Amino acid sequence: MTNYPFTLQGYENIPFSFQPGDMTGGIKILCDGKPMKRVWGKYKTTLPNGEEIVLGLKYNWDIFNPKITFKKQVIAVTPSLPTYQMVFTYLPLILVAGGGPIGGLCGGVAAYINFSIFRGKSPVPVKIILSIVMFFIAIVVYSIAASHVRAAIQ
């Protein structure tokens, strides 16, 4: 799991880090190496002096790359993917347009897997090939699932 260290203004002596979610688990924010507790979408921890730190996540169009919020600070922890990689990452979401809920599910899962692929350590050409393969797998899975649903309805 990739670990992205960051600092909070006023708390520079405390090591914080961010672990993006992947296929094995969700997002984690660590304070001094220990996972912060997630409560209602916020990440909370209590420092040894009794002070509570509350962090939030801010999403924009790049839903796989949230920013951390603390008081009025917005901290970009992970680097954004280049535009061409974002295109390949989100390519399976085309299934949402014509596939309804089943297409959305297949496209969303494939986009999530593509994001994990592009965050990996493989060479870029391998990542692009794998993301295209994932797109076609999503189309095949969608076609099979949609035909079964159609057959079950008739």
Protein backbone atom coordinates (compact mmCIF):
# COMPACT_ATOMS: atom_id res chain seq x y z
CA MET A 1 0.00 0.00 0.00
CA THR A 2 1.40 3.39 -1.01
CA ASN A 3 1.85 5.82 1.84
CA TYR A 4 1.78 9.58 1.19
CA PRO A 5 3.15 11.65 4.09
CA PHE A 6 1.77 15.15 4.73
CA THR A 7 2.01 17.83 7.41
CA LEU A 8 -0.62 19.94 9.10
CA GLN A 9 0.06 23.59 9.76
CA GLY A 10 0.73 23.98 13.46
CA TYR A 11 1.41 20.24 13.89
CA GLU A 12 4.62 19.86 11.88
CA ASN A 13 6.18 17.59 14.52
CA ILE A 14 3.42 14.96 14.17
CA PRO A 15 3.80 12.57 11.21
CA PHE A 16 0.58 12.14 9.22
CA SER A 17 0.17 9.97 6.15
CA PHE A 18 -2.53 9.09 3.65
CA GLN A 19 -3.19 5.66 2.13
CA PRO A 20 -5.54 5.73 -0.86
CA GLY A 21 -8.12 3.00 -1.13
CA ASP A 22 -7.55 0.10 -3.46
CA MET A 23 -8.99 -3.35 -4.12
CA THR A 24 -7.97 -4.56 -0.65
CA GLY A 25 -9.44 -1.77 1.46
CA GLY A 26 -10.63 1.79 1.82
CA ILE A 27 -8.85 5.06 2.45
CA LYS A 28 -6.80 5.34 5.62
CA ILE A 29 -5.31 8.38 7.28
CA LEU A 30 -2.56 7.64 9.76
CA CYS A 31 -1.39 9.78 12.67
CA ASP A 32 2.00 8.75 14.00
CA GLY A 33 1.64 5.43 12.19
CA LYS A 34 -1.76 4.58 13.70
CA PRO A 35 -5.01 4.66 11.70
CA MET A 36 -7.32 7.55 12.59
CA LYS A 37 -10.87 6.60 13.51
CA ARG A 38 -13.47 7.32 10.80
CA VAL A 39 -16.69 8.82 12.15
CA TRP A 40 -19.40 10.14 9.81
CA GLY A 41 -16.95 10.75 6.97
CA LYS A 42 -14.41 12.53 9.17
CA TYR A 43 -11.14 11.13 10.47
CA LYS A 44 -10.51 11.79 14.15
CA THR A 45 -7.67 11.23 16.57
CA THR A 46 -6.80 12.51 20.03
CA LEU A 47 -3.27 13.71 20.65
CA PRO A 48 -1.41 12.83 23.88
CA ASN A 49 -2.18 16.34 25.22
CA GLY A 50 -5.94 15.65 24.84
CA GLU A 51 -6.43 17.83 21.76
CA GLU A 52 -8.65 16.33 19.06
CA ILE A 53 -7.64 16.52 15.40
CA VAL A 54 -10.46 16.19 12.83
CA LEU A 55 -9.65 15.75 9.13
CA GLY A 56 -12.05 15.55 6.20
CA LEU A 57 -11.82 14.53 2.57
CA LYS A 58 -12.69 16.82 -0.31
CA TYR A 59 -13.52 15.28 -3.68
CA ASN A 60 -13.58 16.99 -7.05
CA TRP A 61 -13.97 15.58 -10.58
CA ASP A 62 -11.09 13.20 -9.86
CA ILE A 63 -12.99 11.06 -7.36
CA PHE A 64 -10.01 8.75 -6.86
CA ASN A 65 -7.75 11.60 -5.73
CA PRO A 66 -9.32 13.33 -2.72
CA LYS A 67 -7.72 16.22 -0.88
CA ILE A 68 -7.49 16.37 2.91
CA THR A 69 -9.18 19.24 4.73
CA PHE A 70 -8.13 20.54 8.13
CA LYS A 71 -9.68 23.72 9.45
CA LYS A 72 -9.26 26.06 6.44
CA GLN A 73 -6.40 24.10 4.89
CA VAL A 74 -6.88 21.96 1.78
CA ILE A 75 -3.96 19.59 1.32
CA ALA A 76 -3.27 17.78 -1.96
CA VAL A 77 -1.59 14.60 -0.80
CA THR A 78 -1.44 12.38 -3.86
CA PRO A 79 -0.29 13.57 -7.26
CA SER A 80 -2.98 13.72 -9.94
CA LEU A 81 -2.72 11.34 -12.85
CA PRO A 82 -1.80 12.87 -16.23
CA THR A 83 -4.78 13.67 -18.44
CA TYR A 84 -4.27 10.77 -20.84
CA GLN A 85 -4.19 8.34 -17.90
CA MET A 86 -7.40 9.86 -16.53
CA VAL A 87 -9.05 9.25 -19.91
CA PHE A 88 -8.08 5.57 -19.79
CA THR A 89 -9.09 5.33 -16.13
CA TYR A 90 -12.60 6.68 -16.70
CA LEU A 91 -13.13 5.09 -20.15
CA PRO A 92 -15.31 2.24 -18.77
CA LEU A 93 -17.80 4.80 -17.44
CA ILE A 94 -19.06 5.06 -21.02
CA LEU A 95 -21.12 1.99 -20.08
CA VAL A 96 -23.21 4.19 -17.77
CA ALA A 97 -24.64 6.11 -20.74
CA GLY A 98 -26.10 3.12 -22.53
CA GLY A 99 -26.09 0.45 -19.89
CA GLY A 100 -28.18 1.84 -17.06
CA PRO A 101 -27.57 0.39 -13.60
CA ILE A 102 -25.85 -2.75 -14.87
CA GLY A 103 -23.61 -0.71 -17.16
CA GLY A 104 -22.92 1.69 -14.31
CA LEU A 105 -21.90 -1.14 -12.01
CA CYS A 106 -19.64 -2.79 -14.60
CA GLY A 107 -18.16 0.55 -15.70
CA GLY A 108 -17.64 1.75 -12.13
CA VAL A 109 -15.86 -1.42 -11.05
CA ALA A 110 -13.67 -1.34 -14.18
CA ALA A 111 -12.82 2.36 -13.62
CA TYR A 112 -11.86 1.59 -10.01
CA ILE A 113 -9.62 -1.26 -11.15
CA ASN A 114 -8.11 1.00 -13.83
CA PHE A 115 -7.30 3.58 -11.18
CA SER A 116 -5.50 0.92 -9.15
CA ILE A 117 -3.61 -0.10 -12.29
CA PHE A 118 -2.46 3.48 -12.99
CA ARG A 119 -1.38 4.00 -9.37
CA GLY A 120 0.73 0.83 -9.61
CA LYS A 121 4.40 0.50 -10.43
CA SER A 122 4.15 -1.14 -13.89
CA PRO A 123 5.51 0.64 -16.97
CA VAL A 124 3.05 3.07 -18.59
CA PRO A 125 2.53 1.01 -21.79
CA VAL A 126 1.58 -2.01 -19.68
CA LYS A 127 -0.84 0.12 -17.67
CA ILE A 128 -2.52 1.41 -20.85
CA ILE A 129 -2.87 -2.10 -22.29
CA LEU A 130 -4.30 -3.41 -18.99
CA SER A 131 -6.81 -0.55 -18.81
CA ILE A 132 -8.00 -1.23 -22.37
CA VAL A 133 -8.34 -4.93 -21.52
CA MET A 134 -10.37 -3.96 -18.42
CA PHE A 135 -12.66 -1.85 -20.61
CA PHE A 136 -13.36 -4.80 -22.90
CA ILE A 137 -13.84 -7.14 -19.93
CA ALA A 138 -16.41 -4.68 -18.55
CA ILE A 139 -18.22 -4.68 -21.90
CA VAL A 140 -18.30 -8.51 -21.96
CA VAL A 141 -19.49 -8.75 -18.34
CA TYR A 142 -22.15 -6.10 -19.03
CA SER A 143 -23.33 -7.93 -22.16
CA ILE A 144 -23.63 -11.24 -20.32
CA ALA A 145 -25.37 -9.72 -17.29
CA ALA A 146 -27.77 -7.65 -19.41
CA SER A 147 -28.70 -10.65 -21.55
CA HIS A 148 -29.43 -12.73 -18.44
CA VAL A 149 -31.61 -9.97 -16.99
CA ARG A 150 -33.41 -9.55 -20.30
CA ALA A 151 -34.01 -13.33 -20.52
CA ALA A 152 -35.27 -13.44 -16.93
CA ILE A 153 -37.76 -10.62 -17.58
CA GLN A 154 -39.23 -12.21 -20.70
